[in-house]
Protein backbone atom coordinates (compact mmCIF):
# COMPACT_ATOMS: atom_id res chain seq x y z
CA MET A 1 -76.01 -91.98 42.16
CA GLU A 2 -75.05 -94.50 39.48
CA LEU A 3 -71.42 -95.52 39.15
CA VAL A 4 -69.48 -94.03 36.27
CA SER A 5 -66.31 -95.17 34.57
CA THR A 6 -62.90 -94.07 35.81
CA GLU A 7 -62.29 -92.09 32.63
CA THR A 8 -65.56 -90.17 33.08
CA SER A 9 -65.03 -89.56 36.78
CA LEU A 10 -61.76 -87.78 36.02
CA THR A 11 -63.69 -84.95 34.40
CA THR A 12 -66.90 -85.10 36.38
CA PRO A 13 -67.24 -83.02 39.54
CA PRO A 14 -67.63 -85.03 42.77
CA GLY A 15 -71.25 -85.48 43.77
CA ALA A 16 -72.64 -84.93 40.27
CA ASP A 17 -76.03 -86.49 39.64
CA SER A 18 -76.90 -88.69 36.67
CA GLU A 19 -78.07 -85.75 34.54
CA GLU A 20 -74.80 -83.87 35.08
CA VAL A 21 -72.82 -87.00 34.28
CA SER A 22 -74.79 -87.32 31.03
CA VAL A 23 -73.97 -83.70 30.14
CA PHE A 24 -70.29 -84.22 30.82
CA ARG A 25 -70.27 -87.36 28.70
CA THR A 26 -71.93 -85.47 25.85
CA VAL A 27 -69.40 -82.64 26.06
CA ARG A 28 -66.53 -85.10 26.21
CA ARG A 29 -67.87 -86.95 23.18
CA ALA A 30 -68.24 -83.68 21.25
CA MET A 31 -64.66 -82.68 22.13
CA SER A 32 -63.40 -86.09 21.02
CA THR A 33 -65.24 -85.78 17.69
CA ARG A 34 -63.90 -82.27 17.15
CA LYS A 35 -60.34 -83.43 17.86
CA ARG A 36 -60.74 -86.38 15.50
CA MET A 37 -61.99 -84.13 12.72
CA LEU A 38 -59.24 -81.56 13.24
CA ILE A 39 -56.46 -84.14 13.13
CA GLY A 40 -57.98 -85.90 10.12
CA GLY A 41 -58.54 -82.58 8.35
CA PHE A 42 -54.93 -81.61 8.93
CA PHE A 43 -53.74 -84.90 7.44
CA VAL A 44 -55.98 -84.41 4.41
CA PHE A 45 -54.65 -80.86 3.93
CA LEU A 46 -51.08 -82.14 4.23
CA GLY A 47 -51.80 -84.82 1.65
CA LEU A 48 -53.37 -82.36 -0.78
CA PHE A 49 -50.39 -80.04 -0.38
CA THR A 50 -48.03 -82.95 -1.04
CA VAL A 51 -49.90 -83.90 -4.23
CA TRP A 52 -50.37 -80.38 -5.57
CA ALA A 53 -47.25 -78.45 -4.50
CA LEU A 54 -44.62 -81.16 -4.00
CA GLY A 55 -45.81 -83.59 -6.66
CA LEU A 56 -47.47 -81.72 -9.52
CA GLY A 57 -45.39 -78.63 -8.65
CA SER A 58 -42.07 -80.43 -9.14
CA ARG A 59 -40.18 -80.71 -12.41
CA ALA A 60 -41.20 -83.79 -14.36
CA GLY A 61 -38.40 -86.13 -15.40
CA VAL A 62 -35.96 -84.87 -12.73
CA THR A 63 -34.83 -87.40 -10.11
CA THR A 64 -33.55 -86.67 -6.63
CA THR A 65 -31.00 -89.22 -5.40
CA PHE A 66 -30.70 -90.09 -1.70
CA SER A 67 -27.29 -91.38 -0.68
CA LEU A 68 -27.47 -94.08 2.02
CA SER A 69 -23.80 -94.75 2.65
CA GLY A 70 -20.53 -92.86 2.91
CA GLY A 71 -17.39 -93.35 0.91
CA HIS A 72 -15.64 -95.33 3.68
CA ASP A 73 -18.46 -97.68 4.72
CA ALA A 74 -17.52 -101.34 4.93
CA ILE A 75 -20.79 -102.32 3.26
CA ALA A 76 -22.08 -99.94 0.60
CA VAL A 77 -25.84 -99.40 0.40
CA PRO A 78 -27.22 -98.49 -3.05
CA ALA A 79 -28.53 -94.97 -3.47
CA LEU A 80 -32.29 -94.42 -3.51
CA PRO A 81 -33.65 -92.47 -6.51
CA SER A 82 -36.93 -90.60 -6.20
CA SER A 83 -38.95 -89.02 -8.99
CA ALA A 84 -40.85 -86.34 -7.09
CA HIS A 85 -43.44 -85.86 -9.82
CA THR A 86 -44.63 -89.46 -9.38
CA VAL A 87 -43.57 -90.51 -5.87
CA ASN A 88 -44.98 -87.44 -4.15
CA ILE A 89 -48.41 -87.94 -5.70
CA VAL A 90 -48.47 -91.47 -4.28
CA ILE A 91 -47.28 -90.24 -0.87
CA GLY A 92 -49.91 -87.51 -0.88
CA ALA A 93 -52.64 -90.01 -1.75
CA LEU A 94 -51.60 -92.24 1.17
CA ILE A 95 -51.68 -89.30 3.58
CA ILE A 96 -55.13 -88.28 2.32
CA ALA A 97 -56.37 -91.85 2.83
CA VAL A 98 -55.13 -91.91 6.44
CA GLY A 99 -56.66 -88.49 7.08
CA GLY A 100 -59.99 -89.60 5.65
CA GLY A 101 -60.00 -92.70 7.82
CA GLN A 102 -59.23 -90.57 10.88
CA MET A 103 -62.12 -88.23 10.10
CA LEU A 104 -64.61 -91.04 9.48
CA ARG A 105 -63.82 -93.49 12.26
CA GLY A 106 -60.82 -92.28 14.22
CA LEU A 107 -57.67 -94.28 14.91
CA PRO A 108 -56.81 -95.76 18.33
CA PRO A 109 -54.34 -93.52 20.24
CA ARG A 110 -51.33 -95.80 19.71
CA ALA A 111 -52.12 -96.27 16.01
CA LEU A 112 -52.64 -92.52 15.59
CA ARG A 113 -49.26 -91.84 17.20
CA TRP A 114 -47.46 -94.19 14.83
CA ALA A 115 -49.47 -92.91 11.86
CA SER A 116 -48.38 -89.36 12.70
CA ILE A 117 -44.72 -90.43 12.82
CA VAL A 118 -44.95 -92.25 9.48
CA ILE A 119 -46.82 -89.35 7.85
CA GLY A 120 -44.22 -86.90 9.13
CA ALA A 121 -41.38 -89.03 7.73
CA LEU A 122 -43.14 -89.43 4.36
CA PHE A 123 -43.81 -85.69 4.14
CA VAL A 124 -40.16 -84.86 4.84
CA PHE A 125 -39.08 -87.39 2.19
CA ALA A 126 -41.52 -85.83 -0.28
CA PHE A 127 -40.29 -82.34 0.57
CA LEU A 128 -36.64 -83.29 0.05
CA SER A 129 -37.52 -85.04 -3.21
CA TRP A 130 -39.23 -81.83 -4.38
CA ALA A 131 -36.34 -79.63 -3.24
CA GLY A 132 -33.84 -81.70 -5.20
CA THR A 133 -35.65 -81.09 -8.50
CA GLY A 134 -34.58 -77.46 -8.55
CA GLN A 135 -31.18 -78.40 -9.99
CA GLU A 136 -30.57 -79.52 -13.55
CA GLY A 137 -30.26 -83.30 -13.51
CA GLY A 138 -31.53 -83.47 -9.94
CA ALA A 139 -29.66 -83.14 -6.66
CA THR A 140 -27.96 -85.81 -4.57
CA ILE A 141 -28.87 -85.60 -0.88
CA ASP A 142 -26.68 -87.31 1.68
CA LEU A 143 -29.41 -88.84 3.84
CA ILE A 144 -26.93 -90.49 6.21
CA GLY A 145 -25.12 -87.18 6.63
CA LEU A 146 -28.46 -85.49 7.40
CA LEU A 147 -29.26 -88.05 10.10
CA GLN A 148 -25.72 -87.84 11.52
CA GLN A 149 -26.08 -84.08 11.75
CA THR A 150 -29.45 -84.58 13.44
CA ILE A 151 -27.88 -86.68 16.21
CA PHE A 152 -24.94 -84.29 16.46
CA LEU A 153 -27.21 -81.27 16.96
CA SER A 154 -29.54 -83.18 19.29
CA ILE A 155 -26.96 -84.19 21.92
CA PRO A 156 -27.06 -80.94 23.97
CA LEU A 157 -30.86 -80.91 23.62
CA ILE A 158 -31.14 -84.50 24.86
CA LEU A 159 -28.90 -83.86 27.87
CA GLY A 160 -30.60 -80.55 28.63
CA SER A 161 -34.08 -82.07 28.48
CA LEU A 162 -32.96 -84.97 30.71
CA ALA A 163 -31.72 -82.39 33.22
CA GLY A 164 -35.18 -80.87 33.19
CA VAL A 165 -36.86 -84.26 33.60
CA ILE A 166 -34.70 -85.20 36.61
CA GLY A 167 -35.38 -81.92 38.39
CA GLU A 168 -39.01 -81.40 37.51
CA ARG A 169 -40.09 -84.93 38.38
CA THR A 170 -39.21 -83.96 41.97
CA GLY A 171 -41.13 -80.68 41.74
CA VAL A 172 -38.47 -78.07 40.90
CA ILE A 173 -38.91 -76.13 37.65
CA ASN A 174 -35.60 -75.88 35.82
CA ILE A 175 -35.63 -72.80 33.62
CA ALA A 176 -31.85 -72.55 34.14
CA ILE A 177 -30.96 -75.26 31.60
CA GLU A 178 -29.62 -72.57 29.27
CA GLY A 179 -27.27 -71.28 31.96
CA GLN A 180 -26.15 -74.80 32.86
CA LEU A 181 -25.31 -75.54 29.21
CA LEU A 182 -23.41 -72.27 28.89
CA ALA A 183 -21.48 -72.78 32.15
CA GLY A 184 -20.55 -76.31 31.08
CA ALA A 185 -19.37 -75.10 27.68
CA PHE A 186 -17.20 -72.39 29.23
CA ALA A 187 -15.69 -74.62 31.90
CA GLY A 188 -15.01 -77.41 29.42
CA ALA A 189 -13.09 -75.12 27.09
CA LEU A 190 -11.22 -73.29 29.88
CA PHE A 191 -10.06 -76.28 31.93
CA GLY A 192 -9.46 -78.42 28.85
CA SER A 193 -7.08 -75.71 27.65
CA LEU A 194 -5.40 -75.11 31.02
CA PHE A 195 -4.63 -78.78 31.65
CA HIS A 196 -4.27 -79.81 27.99
CA ASN A 197 -6.64 -82.66 28.81
CA LEU A 198 -10.14 -83.03 27.40
CA GLY A 199 -11.12 -85.42 30.17
CA VAL A 200 -10.41 -82.71 32.76
CA GLY A 201 -12.47 -80.30 30.68
CA LEU A 202 -15.41 -82.73 30.64
CA VAL A 203 -15.27 -83.19 34.42
CA ALA A 204 -15.06 -79.41 34.91
CA ALA A 205 -18.10 -78.91 32.67
CA VAL A 206 -20.12 -81.42 34.69
CA ILE A 207 -19.12 -79.68 37.94
CA ALA A 208 -19.94 -76.23 36.52
CA GLY A 209 -23.41 -77.36 35.49
CA GLY A 210 -23.88 -78.91 38.92
CA LEU A 211 -22.93 -75.62 40.60
CA ILE A 212 -25.61 -73.76 38.67
CA GLY A 213 -28.02 -76.51 39.63
CA ALA A 214 -26.99 -76.09 43.28
CA LEU A 215 -27.71 -72.34 43.11
CA LEU A 216 -31.12 -73.07 41.62
CA ALA A 217 -31.80 -75.62 44.38
CA VAL A 218 -30.74 -73.33 47.23
CA PHE A 219 -32.84 -70.39 46.11
CA SER A 220 -35.84 -72.54 45.13
CA ILE A 221 -35.86 -74.97 48.07
CA ARG A 222 -34.16 -73.20 50.97
CA PHE A 223 -35.33 -69.63 50.33
CA MET A 224 -38.48 -70.59 48.35
CA VAL A 225 -37.95 -67.92 45.70
CA ASN A 226 -40.15 -68.18 42.62
CA GLN A 227 -38.47 -70.93 40.62
CA ILE A 228 -39.12 -69.42 37.20
CA ILE A 229 -37.64 -66.07 38.23
CA VAL A 230 -34.59 -67.77 39.76
CA GLY A 231 -34.02 -69.74 36.56
CA VAL A 232 -34.22 -66.64 34.37
CA VAL A 233 -31.87 -64.72 36.68
CA LEU A 234 -29.34 -67.57 36.64
CA ASN A 235 -29.44 -67.66 32.83
CA VAL A 236 -28.72 -63.93 32.66
CA LEU A 237 -26.01 -64.25 35.32
CA VAL A 238 -24.16 -67.03 33.50
CA LEU A 239 -24.51 -65.25 30.15
CA GLY A 240 -23.01 -62.05 31.56
CA LEU A 241 -20.31 -63.80 33.59
CA THR A 242 -19.08 -66.03 30.75
CA GLY A 243 -19.19 -63.09 28.35
CA PHE A 244 -17.11 -60.97 30.71
CA LEU A 245 -14.56 -63.75 31.34
CA TYR A 246 -14.36 -64.47 27.63
CA ASP A 247 -13.56 -60.82 26.82
CA SER A 248 -11.14 -60.30 29.70
CA LEU A 249 -9.40 -63.69 29.85
CA MET A 250 -10.05 -65.99 26.92
CA GLN A 251 -9.87 -63.66 23.96
CA PRO A 252 -6.51 -62.06 24.92
CA ASN A 253 -5.04 -65.51 25.71
CA THR A 254 -6.63 -67.75 23.12
CA ASP A 255 -3.66 -70.09 22.77
CA THR A 256 -3.55 -70.95 26.46
CA LEU A 257 -7.15 -70.52 27.64
CA ASN A 258 -9.36 -71.27 24.64
CA SER A 259 -7.74 -73.93 22.49
CA PRO A 260 -8.80 -77.24 24.02
CA SER A 261 -9.34 -79.13 20.73
CA PHE A 262 -12.23 -81.62 20.73
CA PHE A 263 -12.92 -85.32 21.19
CA SER A 264 -12.32 -87.39 18.09
CA PRO A 265 -14.88 -89.97 16.91
CA ILE A 266 -14.38 -93.52 18.19
CA ALA A 267 -15.64 -96.25 15.89
CA VAL A 268 -17.01 -99.23 17.80
CA PRO A 269 -15.62 -102.43 16.24
CA VAL A 270 -18.17 -104.50 14.28
CA LEU A 271 -21.10 -102.26 15.27
CA SER A 272 -19.80 -99.31 13.26
CA ASP A 273 -19.74 -101.52 10.14
CA ILE A 274 -23.50 -102.14 10.22
CA PRO A 275 -25.05 -100.42 7.17
CA ILE A 276 -26.84 -97.14 7.92
CA ILE A 277 -27.10 -97.76 11.71
CA GLY A 278 -23.35 -98.13 12.25
CA PRO A 279 -22.27 -94.70 10.93
CA LEU A 280 -25.21 -93.08 12.73
CA LEU A 281 -24.83 -94.49 16.23
CA PHE A 282 -21.45 -96.16 16.61
CA ASP A 283 -18.95 -93.77 15.07
CA ALA A 284 -19.08 -90.80 17.44
CA ASN A 285 -17.13 -89.18 20.26
CA ILE A 286 -17.14 -90.12 23.93
CA ILE A 287 -19.78 -87.54 24.92
CA VAL A 288 -22.26 -89.08 22.49
CA TYR A 289 -21.68 -92.52 24.00
CA LEU A 290 -22.04 -91.06 27.50
CA THR A 291 -25.35 -89.55 26.36
CA TYR A 292 -26.57 -93.01 25.37
CA ALA A 293 -25.60 -94.30 28.82
CA VAL A 294 -27.19 -91.40 30.71
CA LEU A 295 -30.41 -91.74 28.71
CA ILE A 296 -30.71 -95.47 29.42
CA VAL A 297 -29.81 -95.09 33.11
CA VAL A 298 -32.29 -92.25 33.71
CA ASP A 299 -35.08 -94.04 31.84
CA VAL A 300 -34.60 -97.32 33.71
CA ALA A 301 -33.93 -95.70 37.08
CA LEU A 302 -36.94 -93.40 36.89
CA LEU A 303 -39.39 -96.26 36.34
CA ARG A 304 -37.78 -99.32 37.93
CA THR A 305 -35.73 -98.30 40.98
CA ARG A 306 -36.39 -97.04 44.48
CA TRP A 307 -34.79 -93.70 43.55
CA GLY A 308 -37.24 -93.34 40.66
CA LEU A 309 -40.21 -94.25 42.83
CA ARG A 310 -39.18 -91.68 45.44
CA THR A 311 -38.52 -89.07 42.75
CA ARG A 312 -41.99 -89.49 41.28
CA ALA A 313 -43.60 -89.55 44.71
CA VAL A 314 -41.93 -86.28 45.72
CA GLY A 315 -42.98 -84.63 42.47
CA GLU A 316 -46.59 -85.79 42.64
CA HIS A 317 -47.43 -85.71 46.34
CA PRO A 318 -44.60 -84.49 48.59
CA LYS A 319 -46.70 -84.56 51.76
CA ALA A 320 -47.56 -88.22 51.27
CA ALA A 321 -43.90 -88.96 50.51
CA ASP A 322 -42.89 -87.21 53.72
CA THR A 323 -45.28 -89.29 55.79
CA VAL A 324 -43.55 -92.52 54.67
CA GLY A 325 -40.13 -91.23 55.65
CA ILE A 326 -38.81 -89.65 52.44
CA ASN A 327 -36.85 -86.44 53.00
CA VAL A 328 -38.56 -84.33 50.34
CA ASN A 329 -36.20 -81.36 50.22
CA ARG A 330 -33.07 -83.53 50.35
CA MET A 331 -34.39 -85.50 47.40
CA ARG A 332 -35.05 -82.28 45.52
CA TYR A 333 -31.55 -80.96 46.24
CA ARG A 334 -29.95 -84.13 44.92
CA ASN A 335 -32.03 -84.28 41.77
CA VAL A 336 -31.66 -80.63 40.81
CA ILE A 337 -27.87 -80.78 41.27
CA LEU A 338 -27.73 -84.08 39.37
CA GLY A 339 -29.75 -82.51 36.55
CA GLY A 340 -27.33 -79.59 36.46
CA CYS A 341 -24.42 -82.03 36.07
CA VAL A 342 -26.16 -83.71 33.13
CA ALA A 343 -26.80 -80.33 31.48
CA GLY A 344 -23.16 -79.39 32.10
CA MET A 345 -22.13 -82.41 30.05
CA GLY A 346 -24.38 -81.14 27.28
CA GLY A 347 -22.57 -77.81 27.48
CA ALA A 348 -19.22 -79.59 27.16
CA PHE A 349 -20.43 -81.07 23.89
CA LEU A 350 -20.84 -77.56 22.47
CA THR A 351 -17.12 -76.86 22.89
CA ILE A 352 -14.83 -79.86 23.48
CA GLY A 353 -17.30 -82.20 21.79
CA ALA A 354 -17.86 -80.17 18.63
CA VAL A 355 -16.04 -76.95 17.68
CA GLY A 356 -13.06 -77.03 20.06
CA ALA A 357 -13.39 -73.47 21.39
CA PHE A 358 -15.76 -71.25 23.36
CA THR A 359 -17.54 -68.20 22.00
CA LYS A 360 -19.96 -65.88 23.74
CA ASN A 361 -23.50 -67.25 24.00
CA ILE A 362 -22.47 -70.48 22.30
CA SER A 363 -25.62 -72.19 23.60
CA SER A 364 -27.80 -69.78 21.57
CA GLY A 365 -31.10 -70.72 23.19
CA LYS A 366 -30.57 -74.48 23.12
CA GLY A 367 -31.48 -74.64 26.81
CA PHE A 368 -34.92 -73.24 26.08
CA ILE A 369 -35.41 -75.68 23.19
CA ALA A 370 -34.39 -78.47 25.58
CA LEU A 371 -37.01 -77.20 28.01
CA ALA A 372 -39.60 -77.35 25.22
CA ALA A 373 -38.43 -80.88 24.36
CA MET A 374 -39.00 -81.92 27.97
CA ILE A 375 -42.56 -80.55 27.87
CA PHE A 376 -43.21 -82.02 24.42
CA GLY A 377 -41.93 -85.35 25.76
CA ARG A 378 -44.35 -85.14 28.71
CA TRP A 379 -41.61 -85.20 31.34
CA SER A 380 -40.37 -88.65 30.30
CA PRO A 381 -36.84 -89.55 29.10
CA ARG A 382 -38.08 -91.33 25.97
CA GLY A 383 -40.45 -88.52 25.05
CA ALA A 384 -37.72 -85.95 25.63
CA LEU A 385 -35.40 -87.96 23.37
CA ALA A 386 -37.96 -88.05 20.56
CA ALA A 387 -38.64 -84.31 20.86
CA ALA A 388 -34.93 -83.44 20.96
CA LEU A 389 -34.34 -85.50 17.82
CA LEU A 390 -37.24 -83.71 16.12
CA PHE A 391 -35.78 -80.29 16.91
CA GLY A 392 -32.28 -81.44 15.95
CA PHE A 393 -33.62 -82.73 12.65
CA SER A 394 -35.30 -79.41 11.88
CA ASP A 395 -31.96 -77.67 12.50
CA ALA A 396 -30.06 -80.15 10.32
CA LEU A 397 -32.72 -79.86 7.60
CA ALA A 398 -32.25 -76.10 7.51
CA THR A 399 -28.52 -76.65 6.86
CA VAL A 400 -29.16 -79.15 4.06
CA LEU A 401 -31.74 -76.92 2.36
CA SER A 402 -29.31 -74.01 2.35
CA PHE A 403 -27.09 -76.02 -0.04
CA ILE A 404 -29.89 -77.18 -2.33
CA ASN A 405 -31.21 -75.08 -5.18
CA ALA A 406 -34.90 -75.71 -4.51
CA PRO A 407 -37.52 -74.95 -7.21
CA VAL A 408 -38.72 -72.07 -5.03
CA ALA A 409 -36.03 -70.02 -3.29
CA ILE A 410 -36.26 -70.35 0.51
CA PRO A 411 -34.80 -67.36 2.40
CA SER A 412 -31.88 -68.24 4.69
CA ASN A 413 -33.48 -66.35 7.59
CA LEU A 414 -36.57 -68.54 7.26
CA LEU A 415 -34.40 -71.66 7.31
CA SER A 416 -32.63 -70.53 10.48
CA MET A 417 -36.06 -70.14 12.10
CA LEU A 418 -37.01 -73.79 11.52
CA PRO A 419 -35.89 -75.21 14.92
CA TYR A 420 -37.72 -72.48 16.82
CA VAL A 421 -40.85 -72.70 14.67
CA ALA A 422 -40.85 -76.47 15.21
CA THR A 423 -40.56 -75.83 18.94
CA LEU A 424 -43.57 -73.50 18.95
CA PHE A 425 -45.75 -75.83 16.89
CA ALA A 426 -44.76 -78.87 18.93
CA VAL A 427 -45.50 -77.31 22.30
CA ALA A 428 -48.55 -75.23 21.35
CA GLY A 429 -50.15 -77.32 18.63
CA VAL A 430 -49.10 -80.94 18.82
CA VAL A 431 -48.82 -81.45 22.56
CA GLY A 432 -51.88 -79.42 23.49
CA ARG A 433 -52.73 -79.94 27.12
CA VAL A 434 -50.10 -81.79 29.12
CA ARG A 435 -50.01 -82.40 32.83
CA PRO A 436 -46.74 -81.67 34.63
CA PRO A 437 -45.93 -83.34 37.95
CA ALA A 438 -48.60 -82.22 40.42
CA ALA A 439 -46.14 -80.52 42.78
CA ASP A 440 -43.98 -78.95 40.04
CA GLY A 441 -42.95 -75.45 41.09
CA GLN A 442 -44.41 -75.74 44.59
CA PRO A 443 -42.02 -75.29 47.54
CA TYR A 444 -42.47 -77.84 50.31
CA ILE A 445 -42.69 -76.69 53.93
CA LYS A 446 -42.50 -79.52 56.44
CA GLU A 447 -45.21 -79.12 59.05
């Protein structure tokens, strides 16, 4: 049998003859062409919509102004005006051109990825420009405030998705991210109030998330219970337990048990004065800075350390890892508990990092969105970060649109659906087929 390329052999059954290989190559080529046409067609449709609805459909002569600096910035950045009637037609034409090129020749994968990001950013800019023309004289949109809100809303999603990455790269499905966030939020508010110390509250939140992670690990690894069922049960358990304790303890004693306050922003000298970037990244509270550190550490450690190598080995081929002396189940215990601690920190952000008090079901499904961000990010820290920021942006955009008198009224219920709709489209439409770690969800029994 003739040798075939590595890419072809991945989809060709072992022992296939030359005729079968030719058939598989033909099918693969047809699928590639179909995918290229679908993506290009979608870009063309998006461009036509931008030209027709957001450009020609906007009010001529009305300008939307994008503010790029706050009132207290050390260096003021001039505002950016945008005439939707003109700018959006140009943006739409550019999107159509990229879509046509994709349909005719197809872009390389890396170029297509960056083209998709740029097109998405241009479409959002065009949409906001159109929305601002609904007001007489045009609206002023605080773009820096929108991006700050995006980061603010993304922090629990980033930490939750990192918790999922740490656990699932060793082969344990973590559906319990929602419960870990909720437990961390409750513990942070309770212990921060009891000890009048936000640092104690943060440590308690991390421990609470780790305890839920430990329960997940024990039932999944020691007793080999279905990991998805265990995760769902833990979510329901934490939701009921925190709701009961809130009604019986916190609500009657709000002043002593549910008034922890919250971390104040800390401006980093010099860095916080950088235009645009400074207010976004370097004028935040301690949990945000800890998130930066955790993200960098997990990303570097997963790819460049012995711990990361062992983690990936256990998640892909636990039997092979066992044969070289790695204790598979011990590694899984450590990672799942560590992931729970990271998610607990994300829960702390919901209370002592944001609003300063706990309410029932304060996580409101953020754990499940974090789970979707992990899948969208293909089980990598950087991908999870990008997905979490996307979902956080959709949430922040819904808030901004609720204050803008758009040319066409957008129902508030539809706006509140944006983060979840973005989650569905990202996981089902954009990601398509993704491959989780080979041993994800599979208990390991040492022979």
